[in-house]
Each structure stands twice: as C-alpha cells, then as structure tokens.
PDB file of N, CA and C in Angstrom:
ATOM      1  N   MET A   1     -14.108  -5.271  -9.181  1.00  0.00           N
ATOM      2  CA  MET A   1     -13.322  -5.098  -8.197  1.00  0.00           C
ATOM      3  C   MET A   1     -13.535  -5.314  -6.731  1.00  0.00           C
ATOM      4  N   ASN A   2     -12.567  -5.915  -5.876  1.00  0.00           N
ATOM      5  CA  ASN A   2     -13.117  -6.341  -4.958  1.00  0.00           C
ATOM      6  C   ASN A   2     -12.692  -5.150  -3.805  1.00  0.00           C
ATOM      7  N   LYS A   3     -13.886  -4.619  -3.513  1.00  0.00           N
ATOM      8  CA  LYS A   3     -14.084  -3.109  -2.975  1.00  0.00           C
ATOM      9  C   LYS A   3     -13.523  -3.239  -1.729  1.00  0.00           C
ATOM     10  N   SER A   4     -13.834  -3.927  -0.784  1.00  0.00           N
ATOM     11  CA  SER A   4     -13.536  -3.916   0.803  1.00  0.00           C
ATOM     12  C   SER A   4     -11.929  -4.357   0.745  1.00  0.00           C
ATOM     13  N   TRP A   5     -11.520  -5.253  -0.018  1.00  0.00           N
ATOM     14  CA  TRP A   5      -9.925  -5.597  -0.092  1.00  0.00           C
ATOM     15  C   TRP A   5      -9.141  -4.039  -0.419  1.00  0.00           C
ATOM     16  N   VAL A   6      -9.596  -3.788  -1.562  1.00  0.00           N
ATOM     17  CA  VAL A   6      -8.885  -2.659  -2.229  1.00  0.00           C
ATOM     18  C   VAL A   6      -9.082  -1.408  -0.880  1.00  0.00           C
ATOM     19  N   GLY A   7     -10.254  -1.195  -0.613  1.00  0.00           N
ATOM     20  CA  GLY A   7     -10.476   0.052   0.286  1.00  0.00           C
ATOM     21  C   GLY A   7      -9.649  -0.188   1.579  1.00  0.00           C
ATOM     22  N   PHE A   8      -9.282  -1.573   2.099  1.00  0.00           N
ATOM     23  CA  PHE A   8      -8.586  -1.800   3.103  1.00  0.00           C
ATOM     24  C   PHE A   8      -7.007  -1.035   3.026  1.00  0.00           C
ATOM     25  N   HIS A   9      -6.537  -1.534   1.907  1.00  0.00           N
ATOM     26  CA  HIS A   9      -5.427  -1.286   1.192  1.00  0.00           C
ATOM     27  C   HIS A   9      -4.994   0.199   1.233  1.00  0.00           C
ATOM     28  N   LEU A  10      -6.100   0.865   0.584  1.00  0.00           N
ATOM     29  CA  LEU A  10      -5.854   2.076   0.422  1.00  0.00           C
ATOM     30  C   LEU A  10      -5.911   3.112   1.688  1.00  0.00           C
ATOM     31  N   LYS A  11      -6.694   2.580   2.582  1.00  0.00           N
ATOM     32  CA  LYS A  11      -6.902   3.212   3.626  1.00  0.00           C
ATOM     33  C   LYS A  11      -5.686   3.120   4.509  1.00  0.00           C
ATOM     34  N   GLU A  12      -4.954   2.100   4.537  1.00  0.00           N
ATOM     35  CA  GLU A  12      -3.704   1.649   5.091  1.00  0.00           C
ATOM     36  C   GLU A  12      -2.469   2.574   4.461  1.00  0.00           C
ATOM     37  N   ALA A  13      -2.523   2.679   3.195  1.00  0.00           N
ATOM     38  CA  ALA A  13      -1.553   3.485   2.173  1.00  0.00           C
ATOM     39  C   ALA A  13      -1.724   4.926   2.935  1.00  0.00           C
ATOM     40  N   SER A  14      -3.029   5.380   3.008  1.00  0.00           N
ATOM     41  CA  SER A  14      -3.585   6.777   3.149  1.00  0.00           C
ATOM     42  C   SER A  14      -2.570   7.411   4.728  1.00  0.00           C
ATOM     43  N   GLY A  15      -3.237   6.040   5.429  1.00  0.00           N
ATOM     44  CA  GLY A  15      -2.741   6.366   7.152  1.00  0.00           C
ATOM     45  C   GLY A  15      -1.220   6.650   7.115  1.00  0.00           C
ATOM     46  N   ALA A  16      -0.489   5.808   6.461  1.00  0.00           N
ATOM     47  CA  ALA A  16       0.983   5.835   6.556  1.00  0.00           C
ATOM     48  C   ALA A  16       1.492   7.372   5.900  1.00  0.00           C
ATOM     49  N   LEU A  17       0.784   7.605   4.829  1.00  0.00           N
ATOM     50  CA  LEU A  17       1.243   8.820   4.186  1.00  0.00           C
ATOM     51  C   LEU A  17       0.749  10.377   5.175  1.00  0.00           C
ATOM     52  N   GLN A  18      -0.281   9.748   5.925  1.00  0.00           N
ATOM     53  CA  GLN A  18      -1.141  11.045   6.527  1.00  0.00           C
ATOM     54  C   GLN A  18       0.209  11.162   7.850  1.00  0.00           C
ATOM     55  N   LYS A  19       0.527  10.007   8.407  1.00  0.00           N
ATOM     56  CA  LYS A  19       1.393  10.360   9.568  1.00  0.00           C
ATOM     57  C   LYS A  19       2.830  10.954   9.159  1.00  0.00           C
ATOM     58  N   VAL A  20       3.323  10.947   7.999  1.00  0.00           N
ATOM     59  CA  VAL A  20       4.438  11.561   7.340  1.00  0.00           C
ATOM     60  C   VAL A  20       3.943  13.028   7.315  1.00  0.00           C
ATOM     61  N   ILE A  21       3.051  13.260   6.585  1.00  0.00           N
ATOM     62  CA  ILE A  21       2.485  14.764   6.387  1.00  0.00           C
ATOM     63  C   ILE A  21       2.253  15.523   7.618  1.00  0.00           C
ATOM     64  N   GLU A  22       1.871  14.888   8.770  1.00  0.00           N
ATOM     65  CA  GLU A  22       1.455  15.582  10.020  1.00  0.00           C
ATOM     66  C   GLU A  22       2.963  15.702  10.664  1.00  0.00           C
ATOM     67  N   LYS A  23       3.956  15.009  10.764  1.00  0.00           N
ATOM     68  CA  LYS A  23       5.357  15.026  11.089  1.00  0.00           C
ATOM     69  C   LYS A  23       5.768  16.184  10.587  1.00  0.00           C
ATOM     70  N   ILE A  24       5.859  16.409   9.262  1.00  0.00           N
ATOM     71  CA  ILE A  24       6.552  17.065   8.372  1.00  0.00           C
ATOM     72  C   ILE A  24       5.949  18.583   8.763  1.00  0.00           C
ATOM     73  N   GLU A  25       4.545  18.693   8.727  1.00  0.00           N
ATOM     74  CA  GLU A  25       3.759  20.055   9.080  1.00  0.00           C
ATOM     75  C   GLU A  25       3.920  20.385  10.165  1.00  0.00           C
ATOM     76  N   SER A  26       4.233  19.732  11.266  1.00  0.00           N
ATOM     77  CA  SER A  26       4.196  20.047  12.847  1.00  0.00           C
ATOM     78  C   SER A  26       5.754  20.413  13.257  1.00  0.00           C
ATOM     79  N   GLY A  27       6.687  20.270  12.057  1.00  0.00           N
ATOM     80  CA  GLY A  27       7.849  20.698  12.495  1.00  0.00           C
ATOM     81  C   GLY A  27       8.762  19.682  13.250  1.00  0.00           C
ATOM     82  N   ARG A  28       8.297  18.663  13.493  1.00  0.00           N
ATOM     83  CA  ARG A  28       8.830  17.654  14.184  1.00  0.00           C
ATOM     84  C   ARG A  28       9.965  17.036  13.276  1.00  0.00           C
ATOM     85  N   GLY A  29       9.677  16.938  12.280  1.00  0.00           N
ATOM     86  CA  GLY A  29      10.355  16.427  11.123  1.00  0.00           C
ATOM     87  C   GLY A  29      10.247  15.060  11.339  1.00  0.00           C
ATOM     88  N   ILE A  30      10.947  14.258  10.186  1.00  0.00           N
ATOM     89  CA  ILE A  30      11.141  12.918  10.211  1.00  0.00           C
ATOM     90  C   ILE A  30      12.353  12.436   9.690  1.00  0.00           C
ATOM     91  N   GLY A  31      13.177  11.258  10.151  1.00  0.00           N
ATOM     92  CA  GLY A  31      14.411  10.965   9.839  1.00  0.00           C
ATOM     93  C   GLY A  31      14.528  10.166   8.818  1.00  0.00           C
ATOM     94  N   LYS A  32      15.664  10.189   7.995  1.00  0.00           N
ATOM     95  CA  LYS A  32      15.425   9.265   6.747  1.00  0.00           C
ATOM     96  C   LYS A  32      14.924   7.789   6.742  1.00  0.00           C
ATOM     97  N   GLU A  33      15.278   7.012   7.938  1.00  0.00           N
ATOM     98  CA  GLU A  33      15.016   5.777   7.915  1.00  0.00           C
ATOM     99  C   GLU A  33      13.369   5.775   8.342  1.00  0.00           C
ATOM    100  N   GLU A  34      12.993   6.506   9.035  1.00  0.00           N
ATOM    101  CA  GLU A  34      11.473   6.644   9.522  1.00  0.00           C
ATOM    102  C   GLU A  34      10.662   6.847   8.058  1.00  0.00           C
ATOM    103  N   PHE A  35      11.133   7.799   7.500  1.00  0.00           N
ATOM    104  CA  PHE A  35      10.578   8.416   6.207  1.00  0.00           C
ATOM    105  C   PHE A  35      10.647   7.337   4.971  1.00  0.00           C
ATOM    106  N   GLU A  36      11.495   6.523   4.772  1.00  0.00           N
ATOM    107  CA  GLU A  36      11.924   5.164   3.867  1.00  0.00           C
ATOM    108  C   GLU A  36      11.037   4.274   4.320  1.00  0.00           C
ATOM    109  N   ILE A  37      10.614   3.849   5.620  1.00  0.00           N
ATOM    110  CA  ILE A  37       9.818   2.695   6.170  1.00  0.00           C
ATOM    111  C   ILE A  37       8.408   3.269   6.008  1.00  0.00           C
ATOM    112  N   ALA A  38       8.208   4.752   5.993  1.00  0.00           N
ATOM    113  CA  ALA A  38       6.767   4.973   5.829  1.00  0.00           C
ATOM    114  C   ALA A  38       6.158   4.905   4.339  1.00  0.00           C
ATOM    115  N   ILE A  39       7.141   5.445   3.485  1.00  0.00           N
ATOM    116  CA  ILE A  39       6.854   5.581   2.193  1.00  0.00           C
ATOM    117  C   ILE A  39       6.759   4.054   1.325  1.00  0.00           C
ATOM    118  N   SER A  40       7.868   3.081   1.951  1.00  0.00           N
ATOM    119  CA  SER A  40       7.952   1.692   1.419  1.00  0.00           C
ATOM    120  C   SER A  40       6.395   1.161   1.899  1.00  0.00           C
ATOM    121  N   HIS A  41       5.982   1.297   3.295  1.00  0.00           N
ATOM    122  CA  HIS A  41       4.519   0.975   3.675  1.00  0.00           C
ATOM    123  C   HIS A  41       3.644   1.055   2.940  1.00  0.00           C
ATOM    124  N   ALA A  42       3.581   2.560   2.367  1.00  0.00           N
ATOM    125  CA  ALA A  42       2.514   3.217   1.389  1.00  0.00           C
ATOM    126  C   ALA A  42       2.680   2.732   0.131  1.00  0.00           C
ATOM    127  N   TYR A  43       3.731   2.293  -0.426  1.00  0.00           N
ATOM    128  CA  TYR A  43       3.740   1.517  -1.628  1.00  0.00           C
ATOM    129  C   TYR A  43       3.340   0.250  -1.563  1.00  0.00           C
ATOM    130  N   HIS A  44       3.702  -0.267  -0.443  1.00  0.00           N
ATOM    131  CA  HIS A  44       3.208  -1.720  -0.362  1.00  0.00           C
ATOM    132  C   HIS A  44       1.895  -1.705  -0.636  1.00  0.00           C
ATOM    133  N   HIS A  45       0.809  -0.991   0.184  1.00  0.00           N
ATOM    134  CA  HIS A  45      -0.448  -1.084   0.238  1.00  0.00           C
ATOM    135  C   HIS A  45      -1.117  -0.581  -1.186  1.00  0.00           C
ATOM    136  N   LEU A  46      -0.425   0.405  -1.882  1.00  0.00           N
ATOM    137  CA  LEU A  46      -0.933   0.741  -2.950  1.00  0.00           C
ATOM    138  C   LEU A  46      -0.645  -0.090  -4.079  1.00  0.00           C
ATOM    139  N   ASN A  47       0.393  -0.699  -4.214  1.00  0.00           N
ATOM    140  CA  ASN A  47       0.456  -1.869  -4.994  1.00  0.00           C
ATOM    141  C   ASN A  47      -0.145  -2.994  -4.909  1.00  0.00           C
ATOM    142  N   THR A  48      -0.283  -3.429  -3.777  1.00  0.00           N
ATOM    143  CA  THR A  48      -1.401  -4.778  -3.514  1.00  0.00           C
ATOM    144  C   THR A  48      -2.813  -4.300  -3.600  1.00  0.00           C
ATOM    145  N   ALA A  49      -3.024  -2.961  -3.238  1.00  0.00           N
ATOM    146  CA  ALA A  49      -4.654  -2.552  -3.995  1.00  0.00           C
ATOM    147  C   ALA A  49      -4.753  -2.853  -5.295  1.00  0.00           C
ATOM    148  N   TRP A  50      -3.813  -2.231  -6.078  1.00  0.00           N
ATOM    149  CA  TRP A  50      -3.796  -2.297  -7.646  1.00  0.00           C
ATOM    150  C   TRP A  50      -3.661  -3.667  -8.024  1.00  0.00           C
ATOM    151  N   ASN A  51      -2.640  -4.589  -7.625  1.00  0.00           N
ATOM    152  CA  ASN A  51      -2.310  -5.902  -8.411  1.00  0.00           C
ATOM    153  C   ASN A  51      -3.058  -6.834  -7.996  1.00  0.00           C
ATOM    154  N   SER A  52      -3.756  -6.787  -6.986  1.00  0.00           N
ATOM    155  CA  SER A  52      -4.844  -7.663  -6.273  1.00  0.00           C
ATOM    156  C   SER A  52      -6.384  -7.335  -6.513  1.00  0.00           C
ATOM    157  N   ARG A  53      -6.674  -6.270  -7.095  1.00  0.00           N
ATOM    158  CA  ARG A  53      -7.880  -5.491  -6.791  1.00  0.00           C
ATOM    159  C   ARG A  53      -9.004  -6.438  -7.548  1.00  0.00           C
ATOM    160  N   PHE A  54      -8.887  -7.388  -8.356  1.00  0.00           N
ATOM    161  CA  PHE A  54     -10.048  -8.325  -8.773  1.00  0.00           C
ATOM    162  C   PHE A  54     -10.114  -9.549  -8.174  1.00  0.00           C
ATOM    163  N   ILE A  55      -9.149  -9.862  -6.796  1.00  0.00           N
ATOM    164  CA  ILE A  55      -9.356 -11.280  -6.306  1.00  0.00           C
ATOM    165  C   ILE A  55     -10.681 -11.359  -5.621  1.00  0.00           C
ATOM    166  N   THR A  56     -11.119 -12.632  -5.369  1.00  0.00           N
ATOM    167  CA  THR A  56     -12.464 -13.001  -4.485  1.00  0.00           C
ATOM    168  C   THR A  56     -11.839 -12.843  -3.181  1.00  0.00           C
ATOM    169  N   ASP A  57     -13.291 -12.703  -2.388  1.00  0.00           N
ATOM    170  CA  ASP A  57     -12.860 -12.841  -1.122  1.00  0.00           C
ATOM    171  C   ASP A  57     -12.259 -13.581  -0.438  1.00  0.00           C
ATOM    172  N   ASP A  58     -12.820 -14.848  -0.896  1.00  0.00           N
ATOM    173  CA  ASP A  58     -12.163 -16.361  -0.475  1.00  0.00           C
ATOM    174  C   ASP A  58     -10.472 -16.223  -0.653  1.00  0.00           C
ATOM    175  N   LYS A  59     -10.081 -15.517  -1.917  1.00  0.00           N
ATOM    176  CA  LYS A  59      -8.565 -15.639  -2.199  1.00  0.00           C
ATOM    177  C   LYS A  59      -8.024 -14.622  -1.163  1.00  0.00           C
ATOM    178  N   ALA A  60      -8.565 -13.440  -0.999  1.00  0.00           N
ATOM    179  CA  ALA A  60      -8.294 -12.464   0.271  1.00  0.00           C
ATOM    180  C   ALA A  60      -7.995 -13.081   1.472  1.00  0.00           C
ATOM    181  N   ARG A  61      -8.902 -13.808   1.874  1.00  0.00           N
ATOM    182  CA  ARG A  61      -8.729 -14.399   3.007  1.00  0.00           C
ATOM    183  C   ARG A  61      -7.586 -15.753   3.157  1.00  0.00           C
ATOM    184  N   ASN A  62      -7.596 -16.467   1.993  1.00  0.00           N
ATOM    185  CA  ASN A  62      -6.527 -17.405   2.000  1.00  0.00           C
ATOM    186  C   ASN A  62      -5.553 -17.396   0.987  1.00  0.00           C
ATOM    187  N   HIS A  63      -4.936 -16.003   0.842  1.00  0.00           N
ATOM    188  CA  HIS A  63      -3.807 -15.884  -0.119  1.00  0.00           C
ATOM    189  C   HIS A  63      -2.489 -16.619   0.679  1.00  0.00           C
ATOM    190  N   THR A  64      -1.588 -16.771  -0.220  1.00  0.00           N
ATOM    191  CA  THR A  64      -0.451 -17.321   0.148  1.00  0.00           C
ATOM    192  C   THR A  64       0.560 -16.356   0.041  1.00  0.00           C
ATOM    193  N   ASP A  65       1.772 -16.494   0.631  1.00  0.00           N
ATOM    194  CA  ASP A  65       3.032 -15.979   0.838  1.00  0.00           C
ATOM    195  C   ASP A  65       3.389 -15.365  -0.551  1.00  0.00           C
ATOM    196  N   TRP A  66       3.383 -16.428  -1.259  1.00  0.00           N
ATOM    197  CA  TRP A  66       3.771 -15.864  -2.767  1.00  0.00           C
ATOM    198  C   TRP A  66       2.847 -15.060  -3.492  1.00  0.00           C
ATOM    199  N   ASP A  67       1.423 -15.185  -3.239  1.00  0.00           N
ATOM    200  CA  ASP A  67       0.502 -14.240  -3.737  1.00  0.00           C
ATOM    201  C   ASP A  67       0.816 -12.865  -3.107  1.00  0.00           C
ATOM    202  N   PHE A  68       1.031 -12.724  -1.876  1.00  0.00           N
ATOM    203  CA  PHE A  68       1.384 -11.495  -1.272  1.00  0.00           C
ATOM    204  C   PHE A  68       2.498 -10.596  -1.717  1.00  0.00           C
ATOM    205  N   THR A  69       3.728 -11.746  -2.113  1.00  0.00           N
ATOM    206  CA  THR A  69       4.800 -11.108  -2.463  1.00  0.00           C
ATOM    207  C   THR A  69       4.665 -10.428  -3.970  1.00  0.00           C
ATOM    208  N   GLU A  70       3.834 -11.523  -4.750  1.00  0.00           N
ATOM    209  CA  GLU A  70       3.523 -10.953  -6.373  1.00  0.00           C
ATOM    210  C   GLU A  70       2.966  -9.562  -6.023  1.00  0.00           C
ATOM    211  N   TRP A  71       1.539  -9.489  -5.380  1.00  0.00           N
ATOM    212  CA  TRP A  71       0.826  -8.368  -5.104  1.00  0.00           C
ATOM    213  C   TRP A  71       1.548  -7.182  -5.070  1.00  0.00           C
ATOM    214  N   ARG A  72       2.547  -7.339  -4.088  1.00  0.00           N
ATOM    215  CA  ARG A  72       3.173  -5.970  -3.635  1.00  0.00           C
ATOM    216  C   ARG A  72       4.146  -5.316  -4.439  1.00  0.00           C
ATOM    217  N   GLN A  73       4.547  -5.915  -5.702  1.00  0.00           N
ATOM    218  CA  GLN A  73       5.597  -5.411  -6.384  1.00  0.00           C
ATOM    219  C   GLN A  73       4.848  -4.281  -7.072  1.00  0.00           C
ATOM    220  N   PHE A  74       5.766  -3.447  -7.538  1.00  0.00           N
ATOM    221  CA  PHE A  74       5.237  -2.094  -8.590  1.00  0.00           C
ATOM    222  C   PHE A  74       4.730  -2.759  -9.811  1.00  0.00           C
ATOM    223  N   PRO A  75       3.504  -1.904 -10.044  1.00  0.00           N
ATOM    224  CA  PRO A  75       2.575  -2.413 -11.051  1.00  0.00           C
ATOM    225  C   PRO A  75       3.130  -2.321 -12.615  1.00  0.00           C
ATOM    226  N   THR A  76       3.192  -3.084 -13.043  1.00  0.00           N
ATOM    227  CA  THR A  76       3.724  -3.292 -14.611  1.00  0.00           C
ATOM    228  C   THR A  76       2.686  -2.871 -15.624  1.00  0.00           C
ATOM    229  N   ASP A  77       1.449  -2.705 -15.299  1.00  0.00           N
ATOM    230  CA  ASP A  77       0.324  -2.512 -16.318  1.00  0.00           C
ATOM    231  C   ASP A  77      -0.131  -0.920 -16.082  1.00  0.00           C
ATOM    232  N   LEU A  78       0.691  -0.256 -15.474  1.00  0.00           N
ATOM    233  CA  LEU A  78      -0.046   1.159 -15.264  1.00  0.00           C
ATOM    234  C   LEU A  78       0.894   2.085 -16.121  1.00  0.00           C
ATOM    235  N   ASN A  79       0.123   3.209 -16.899  1.00  0.00           N
ATOM    236  CA  ASN A  79       0.923   3.730 -18.038  1.00  0.00           C
ATOM    237  C   ASN A  79       1.515   5.285 -17.050  1.00  0.00           C
ATOM    238  N   LEU A  80       2.673   5.085 -16.541  1.00  0.00           N
ATOM    239  CA  LEU A  80       3.135   6.252 -15.675  1.00  0.00           C
ATOM    240  C   LEU A  80       4.088   7.101 -16.274  1.00  0.00           C
ATOM    241  N   ARG A  81       4.360   6.759 -17.486  1.00  0.00           N
ATOM    242  CA  ARG A  81       5.197   7.544 -18.484  1.00  0.00           C
ATOM    243  C   ARG A  81       4.585   8.400 -19.366  1.00  0.00           C
TER     244      ARG A  81
END
C-alpha cells in the first residue's frame, strides 16, 4: 500500500467530515448544498484512497486525468452489503 498517498486522501476526507461535524455540533447548521459538497468531497478522497492504494509514488506524482477519474469512483470491490 502507498501509505503516504492513502494517508493524504484519508486526512482530506477526515478534514471535510470534521468541518461538517463542527458546524452541526455548534448549532450553526449547514445548508443542503454545503452538506452535499462536503460529503462529495469526503467520498472523493475515500474512494481515491481505496481505489489507488497500491499505486507507486511515481504514478501518484504523474497520474493522468483519466487515472483520477477512475480512482474517485465508488469502489466495486468492497463488500458493503
């Protein structure tokens, strides 16, 4: 596993979720659009972390737009049912 790559994406997902949690817990609330953007952002990073977990450092540095589009898709190889 590419620990630095996966770690980066997990931290990004965590940060997005933490901001939502803080807004909800503070009573400030969060709008529908802002919530959707934040959750989409978190999923993007979670999916990328999973789908590209075995890439090399070179591939992480030199990925294409196509690679990134593929990596951010919802995983098909996780047993979530």
